[in-house]
Amino acid sequence: MRNAEIDQRPALAGTKTLVIGWGNDLLRDDGAGRRVARQIAARHPAEIDVLDVHQLTPELALPLSQFGRAIFVDAYAAREGDTVRTRKVDAARLPDRPAIGHTGRPDDLLRMAALLYGAHPEAWLVAVPACAFEPGDALSRTARAGIRSAIVEVERLARSRGRAEDQTQEKGEEYDAS
């Protein structure tokens, strides 16, 4: 199946949202995506489905295929004072072959969902700035502020009914989840 064919497969008609937060809670700021996911689950238990995972794996393609909207949340290596970055994960920009392995990227999971289950959701990546990756659980000031901002951004994306262009905020350099 070519990228153009995958891009033609619409997201499911429903607007149900899945948030997938991932990272390593044992490496300070690296767990920021998971912390955002937990807060979203606590704040919106009936409206938003949440997966809080250590890493992205191929098994997530099935639940991903069952939603109209997906929001991935992860930490990115930042400098003190950097802000949350949001970008749409565009199915047309997916590689011809997904990286199949023990860990993956949001675009790999979208492609797997389309290839294996015939559907993929509209998707966004919300990247939380992270400065501290050594063992421990204390967050940096930048990650704490980023988590607060990311929660607001995820909530905005989840309730948005507008066009994709209205839902994406590009801030700074593009985040790469690889």
C-alpha atoms as a PDB file:
ATOM      1  CA  MET A   1       0.000   0.000   0.000  1.00  0.00           C
ATOM      2  CA  ARG A   2       1.430   3.381  -0.991  1.00  0.00           C
ATOM      3  CA  ASN A   3       1.419   6.547   1.119  1.00  0.00           C
ATOM      4  CA  ALA A   4      -1.223   8.136  -1.117  1.00  0.00           C
ATOM      5  CA  GLU A   5      -3.534   5.180  -0.483  1.00  0.00           C
ATOM      6  CA  ILE A   6      -3.043   5.394   3.268  1.00  0.00           C
ATOM      7  CA  ASP A   7      -3.678   9.135   3.213  1.00  0.00           C
ATOM      8  CA  GLN A   8      -7.011   8.465   1.461  1.00  0.00           C
ATOM      9  CA  ARG A   9      -8.210   6.270   4.324  1.00  0.00           C
ATOM     10  CA  PRO A  10     -10.256   8.585   6.494  1.00  0.00           C
ATOM     11  CA  ALA A  11     -10.016   8.593  10.225  1.00  0.00           C
ATOM     12  CA  LEU A  12     -12.943   6.931  11.927  1.00  0.00           C
ATOM     13  CA  ALA A  13     -16.050   9.085  11.851  1.00  0.00           C
ATOM     14  CA  GLY A  14     -16.201   9.290  15.646  1.00  0.00           C
ATOM     15  CA  THR A  15     -14.460  12.052  17.478  1.00  0.00           C
ATOM     16  CA  LYS A  16     -13.428   9.869  20.389  1.00  0.00           C
ATOM     17  CA  THR A  17      -9.914  10.782  21.453  1.00  0.00           C
ATOM     18  CA  LEU A  18      -7.060   8.534  22.556  1.00  0.00           C
ATOM     19  CA  VAL A  19      -4.116  10.073  24.403  1.00  0.00           C
ATOM     20  CA  ILE A  20      -0.919   8.017  24.519  1.00  0.00           C
ATOM     21  CA  GLY A  21       1.716   9.310  26.924  1.00  0.00           C
ATOM     22  CA  TRP A  22       5.054   7.556  27.037  1.00  0.00           C
ATOM     23  CA  GLY A  23       8.471   7.813  28.652  1.00  0.00           C
ATOM     24  CA  ASN A  24      10.617   6.528  31.496  1.00  0.00           C
ATOM     25  CA  ASP A  25       9.465   7.631  34.957  1.00  0.00           C
ATOM     26  CA  LEU A  26      12.817   6.564  36.420  1.00  0.00           C
ATOM     27  CA  LEU A  27      14.750   9.166  34.392  1.00  0.00           C
ATOM     28  CA  ARG A  28      13.320  12.414  35.803  1.00  0.00           C
ATOM     29  CA  ASP A  29      11.890  14.554  32.952  1.00  0.00           C
ATOM     30  CA  ASP A  30      11.738  11.634  30.508  1.00  0.00           C
ATOM     31  CA  GLY A  31       8.474  10.568  32.160  1.00  0.00           C
ATOM     32  CA  ALA A  32       6.756  13.902  31.362  1.00  0.00           C
ATOM     33  CA  GLY A  33       4.532  12.387  28.663  1.00  0.00           C
ATOM     34  CA  ARG A  34       3.238   9.786  31.085  1.00  0.00           C
ATOM     35  CA  ARG A  35       2.575  12.436  33.724  1.00  0.00           C
ATOM     36  CA  VAL A  36       0.502  14.422  31.240  1.00  0.00           C
ATOM     37  CA  ALA A  37      -1.436  11.280  30.302  1.00  0.00           C
ATOM     38  CA  ARG A  38      -2.214  10.528  33.967  1.00  0.00           C
ATOM     39  CA  GLN A  39      -3.460  14.048  34.563  1.00  0.00           C
ATOM     40  CA  ILE A  40      -5.685  13.890  31.483  1.00  0.00           C
ATOM     41  CA  ALA A  41      -7.090  10.537  32.672  1.00  0.00           C
ATOM     42  CA  ALA A  42      -7.862  11.993  36.092  1.00  0.00           C
ATOM     43  CA  ARG A  43      -9.443  15.162  34.678  1.00  0.00           C
ATOM     44  CA  HIS A  44     -11.457  13.557  31.845  1.00  0.00           C
ATOM     45  CA  PRO A  45     -12.176   9.910  32.728  1.00  0.00           C
ATOM     46  CA  ALA A  46     -15.355   9.698  30.623  1.00  0.00           C
ATOM     47  CA  GLU A  47     -14.409  11.869  27.652  1.00  0.00           C
ATOM     48  CA  ILE A  48     -10.856  10.865  26.777  1.00  0.00           C
ATOM     49  CA  ASP A  49      -9.271   7.408  26.681  1.00  0.00           C
ATOM     50  CA  VAL A  50      -5.686   7.326  27.899  1.00  0.00           C
ATOM     51  CA  LEU A  51      -2.801   4.896  27.555  1.00  0.00           C
ATOM     52  CA  ASP A  52       0.164   5.462  29.884  1.00  0.00           C
ATOM     53  CA  VAL A  53       3.041   3.374  28.510  1.00  0.00           C
ATOM     54  CA  HIS A  54       6.771   3.007  28.928  1.00  0.00           C
ATOM     55  CA  GLN A  55       7.364   2.895  25.159  1.00  0.00           C
ATOM     56  CA  LEU A  56       5.494   2.766  21.867  1.00  0.00           C
ATOM     57  CA  THR A  57       5.119  -0.814  20.653  1.00  0.00           C
ATOM     58  CA  PRO A  58       3.383  -2.430  17.656  1.00  0.00           C
ATOM     59  CA  GLU A  59       0.607  -3.737  19.926  1.00  0.00           C
ATOM     60  CA  LEU A  60      -0.725  -0.181  20.203  1.00  0.00           C
ATOM     61  CA  ALA A  61      -1.754  -0.152  16.512  1.00  0.00           C
ATOM     62  CA  LEU A  62      -5.052  -1.949  17.210  1.00  0.00           C
ATOM     63  CA  PRO A  63      -6.406   0.435  19.854  1.00  0.00           C
ATOM     64  CA  LEU A  64      -5.095   3.354  17.803  1.00  0.00           C
ATOM     65  CA  SER A  65      -7.122   2.213  14.780  1.00  0.00           C
ATOM     66  CA  GLN A  66     -10.338   2.422  16.801  1.00  0.00           C
ATOM     67  CA  PHE A  67     -10.263   6.177  17.442  1.00  0.00           C
ATOM     68  CA  GLY A  68     -10.999   9.236  15.343  1.00  0.00           C
ATOM     69  CA  ARG A  69      -8.309  11.333  17.014  1.00  0.00           C
ATOM     70  CA  ALA A  70      -5.020  10.458  18.730  1.00  0.00           C
ATOM     71  CA  ILE A  71      -2.700  12.675  20.718  1.00  0.00           C
ATOM     72  CA  PHE A  72       0.781  11.370  21.481  1.00  0.00           C
ATOM     73  CA  VAL A  73       2.662  12.982  24.378  1.00  0.00           C
ATOM     74  CA  ASP A  74       6.400  12.620  24.936  1.00  0.00           C
ATOM     75  CA  ALA A  75       9.361  14.530  26.354  1.00  0.00           C
ATOM     76  CA  TYR A  76      11.989  16.127  24.119  1.00  0.00           C
ATOM     77  CA  ALA A  77      15.539  17.159  25.039  1.00  0.00           C
ATOM     78  CA  ALA A  78      15.286  20.900  25.570  1.00  0.00           C
ATOM     79  CA  ARG A  79      17.074  23.843  27.092  1.00  0.00           C
ATOM     80  CA  GLU A  80      15.855  25.573  30.239  1.00  0.00           C
ATOM     81  CA  GLY A  81      12.916  27.781  29.304  1.00  0.00           C
ATOM     82  CA  ASP A  82      11.902  25.932  26.099  1.00  0.00           C
ATOM     83  CA  THR A  83       8.177  25.428  25.555  1.00  0.00           C
ATOM     84  CA  VAL A  84       5.741  22.731  24.454  1.00  0.00           C
ATOM     85  CA  ARG A  85       5.850  21.855  20.752  1.00  0.00           C
ATOM     86  CA  THR A  86       2.844  20.501  18.881  1.00  0.00           C
ATOM     87  CA  ARG A  87       2.715  19.101  15.393  1.00  0.00           C
ATOM     88  CA  LYS A  88       0.245  17.145  13.338  1.00  0.00           C
ATOM     89  CA  VAL A  89       1.412  13.661  12.438  1.00  0.00           C
ATOM     90  CA  ASP A  90       0.669  13.602   8.716  1.00  0.00           C
ATOM     91  CA  ALA A  91      -0.176  10.213   7.217  1.00  0.00           C
ATOM     92  CA  ALA A  92       1.011  11.412   3.792  1.00  0.00           C
ATOM     93  CA  ARG A  93       4.532  11.894   5.180  1.00  0.00           C
ATOM     94  CA  LEU A  94       4.847   8.366   6.493  1.00  0.00           C
ATOM     95  CA  PRO A  95       7.709   6.172   5.282  1.00  0.00           C
ATOM     96  CA  ASP A  96       6.859   3.381   2.827  1.00  0.00           C
ATOM     97  CA  ARG A  97       7.681   0.769   5.458  1.00  0.00           C
ATOM     98  CA  PRO A  98       7.103   1.212   9.175  1.00  0.00           C
ATOM     99  CA  ALA A  99       9.980   0.488  11.487  1.00  0.00           C
ATOM    100  CA  ILE A 100       8.971  -2.810  13.044  1.00  0.00           C
ATOM    101  CA  GLY A 101      10.713  -3.471  16.298  1.00  0.00           C
ATOM    102  CA  HIS A 102      10.359  -3.378  20.040  1.00  0.00           C
ATOM    103  CA  THR A 103       9.895   0.393  20.141  1.00  0.00           C
ATOM    104  CA  GLY A 104       8.373   2.751  17.632  1.00  0.00           C
ATOM    105  CA  ARG A 105       7.362   6.264  16.704  1.00  0.00           C
ATOM    106  CA  PRO A 106       3.887   7.780  16.351  1.00  0.00           C
ATOM    107  CA  ASP A 107       4.088   7.751  12.549  1.00  0.00           C
ATOM    108  CA  ASP A 108       5.047   4.055  12.570  1.00  0.00           C
ATOM    109  CA  LEU A 109       1.983   3.244  14.666  1.00  0.00           C
ATOM    110  CA  LEU A 110      -0.315   5.222  12.357  1.00  0.00           C
ATOM    111  CA  ARG A 111       1.008   3.344   9.369  1.00  0.00           C
ATOM    112  CA  MET A 112       0.616  -0.015  11.126  1.00  0.00           C
ATOM    113  CA  ALA A 113      -2.963   0.854  12.117  1.00  0.00           C
ATOM    114  CA  ALA A 114      -3.785   1.705   8.495  1.00  0.00           C
ATOM    115  CA  LEU A 115      -2.066  -1.347   7.026  1.00  0.00           C
ATOM    116  CA  LEU A 116      -3.293  -3.895   9.557  1.00  0.00           C
ATOM    117  CA  TYR A 117      -6.738  -2.597  10.535  1.00  0.00           C
ATOM    118  CA  GLY A 118      -7.780  -0.337   7.663  1.00  0.00           C
ATOM    119  CA  ALA A 119      -8.053   2.885   9.652  1.00  0.00           C
ATOM    120  CA  HIS A 120      -5.883   5.484  11.290  1.00  0.00           C
ATOM    121  CA  PRO A 121      -6.912   8.496  13.343  1.00  0.00           C
ATOM    122  CA  GLU A 122      -6.009  12.102  12.851  1.00  0.00           C
ATOM    123  CA  ALA A 123      -3.013  12.467  15.116  1.00  0.00           C
ATOM    124  CA  TRP A 124      -0.898  15.066  16.860  1.00  0.00           C
ATOM    125  CA  LEU A 125       2.312  14.919  18.815  1.00  0.00           C
ATOM    126  CA  VAL A 126       2.592  17.144  21.894  1.00  0.00           C
ATOM    127  CA  ALA A 127       6.236  17.328  22.967  1.00  0.00           C
ATOM    128  CA  VAL A 128       7.058  18.421  26.519  1.00  0.00           C
ATOM    129  CA  PRO A 129      10.406  20.163  27.094  1.00  0.00           C
ATOM    130  CA  ALA A 130      12.761  18.126  29.287  1.00  0.00           C
ATOM    131  CA  CYS A 131      16.158  19.090  30.673  1.00  0.00           C
ATOM    132  CA  ALA A 132      17.022  16.370  33.209  1.00  0.00           C
ATOM    133  CA  PHE A 133      17.396  12.704  32.215  1.00  0.00           C
ATOM    134  CA  GLU A 134      19.464  11.246  35.037  1.00  0.00           C
ATOM    135  CA  PRO A 135      17.964   8.673  37.420  1.00  0.00           C
ATOM    136  CA  GLY A 136      15.401  10.090  39.830  1.00  0.00           C
ATOM    137  CA  ASP A 137      11.874  11.422  39.921  1.00  0.00           C
ATOM    138  CA  ALA A 138      12.311  15.152  40.583  1.00  0.00           C
ATOM    139  CA  LEU A 139      11.260  17.245  37.579  1.00  0.00           C
ATOM    140  CA  SER A 140      13.135  20.255  36.256  1.00  0.00           C
ATOM    141  CA  ARG A 141      11.414  23.648  36.335  1.00  0.00           C
ATOM    142  CA  THR A 142      11.108  23.539  32.536  1.00  0.00           C
ATOM    143  CA  ALA A 143       9.435  20.104  32.577  1.00  0.00           C
ATOM    144  CA  ARG A 144       6.991  21.157  35.323  1.00  0.00           C
ATOM    145  CA  ALA A 145       5.945  24.207  33.303  1.00  0.00           C
ATOM    146  CA  GLY A 146       5.844  22.101  30.130  1.00  0.00           C
ATOM    147  CA  ILE A 147       3.558  19.527  31.727  1.00  0.00           C
ATOM    148  CA  ARG A 148       1.091  22.254  32.742  1.00  0.00           C
ATOM    149  CA  SER A 149       1.127  23.688  29.211  1.00  0.00           C
ATOM    150  CA  ALA A 150       0.884  20.244  27.604  1.00  0.00           C
ATOM    151  CA  ILE A 151      -2.239  19.417  29.617  1.00  0.00           C
ATOM    152  CA  VAL A 152      -3.897  22.569  28.293  1.00  0.00           C
ATOM    153  CA  GLU A 153      -2.758  21.761  24.749  1.00  0.00           C
ATOM    154  CA  VAL A 154      -4.023  18.162  24.902  1.00  0.00           C
ATOM    155  CA  GLU A 155      -7.382  19.352  26.215  1.00  0.00           C
ATOM    156  CA  ARG A 156      -7.582  21.927  23.420  1.00  0.00           C
ATOM    157  CA  LEU A 157      -6.814  19.342  20.749  1.00  0.00           C
ATOM    158  CA  ALA A 158      -9.247  16.811  22.235  1.00  0.00           C
ATOM    159  CA  ARG A 159     -12.203  19.201  22.195  1.00  0.00           C
ATOM    160  CA  SER A 160     -11.354  20.906  18.914  1.00  0.00           C
ATOM    161  CA  ARG A 161     -13.824  20.397  16.092  1.00  0.00           C
ATOM    162  CA  GLY A 162     -12.063  22.695  13.644  1.00  0.00           C
ATOM    163  CA  ARG A 163      -9.779  22.019  10.732  1.00  0.00           C
ATOM    164  CA  ALA A 164      -6.412  20.389  11.345  1.00  0.00           C
ATOM    165  CA  GLU A 165      -4.622  23.629  10.468  1.00  0.00           C
ATOM    166  CA  ASP A 166      -6.412  25.340  13.337  1.00  0.00           C
ATOM    167  CA  GLN A 167      -5.394  22.597  15.735  1.00  0.00           C
ATOM    168  CA  THR A 168      -1.652  22.640  15.217  1.00  0.00           C
ATOM    169  CA  GLN A 169       0.705  25.013  16.962  1.00  0.00           C
ATOM    170  CA  GLU A 170       4.225  24.975  15.638  1.00  0.00           C
ATOM    171  CA  LYS A 171       6.643  26.342  18.207  1.00  0.00           C
ATOM    172  CA  GLY A 172      10.347  26.164  17.644  1.00  0.00           C
ATOM    173  CA  GLU A 173      12.047  23.372  15.781  1.00  0.00           C
ATOM    174  CA  GLU A 174      10.114  20.299  14.752  1.00  0.00           C
ATOM    175  CA  TYR A 175      10.177  17.524  17.331  1.00  0.00           C
ATOM    176  CA  ASP A 176      11.497  14.166  16.203  1.00  0.00           C
ATOM    177  CA  ALA A 177      10.351  11.182  18.256  1.00  0.00           C
ATOM    178  CA  SER A 178      13.020   8.861  16.874  1.00  0.00           C
END
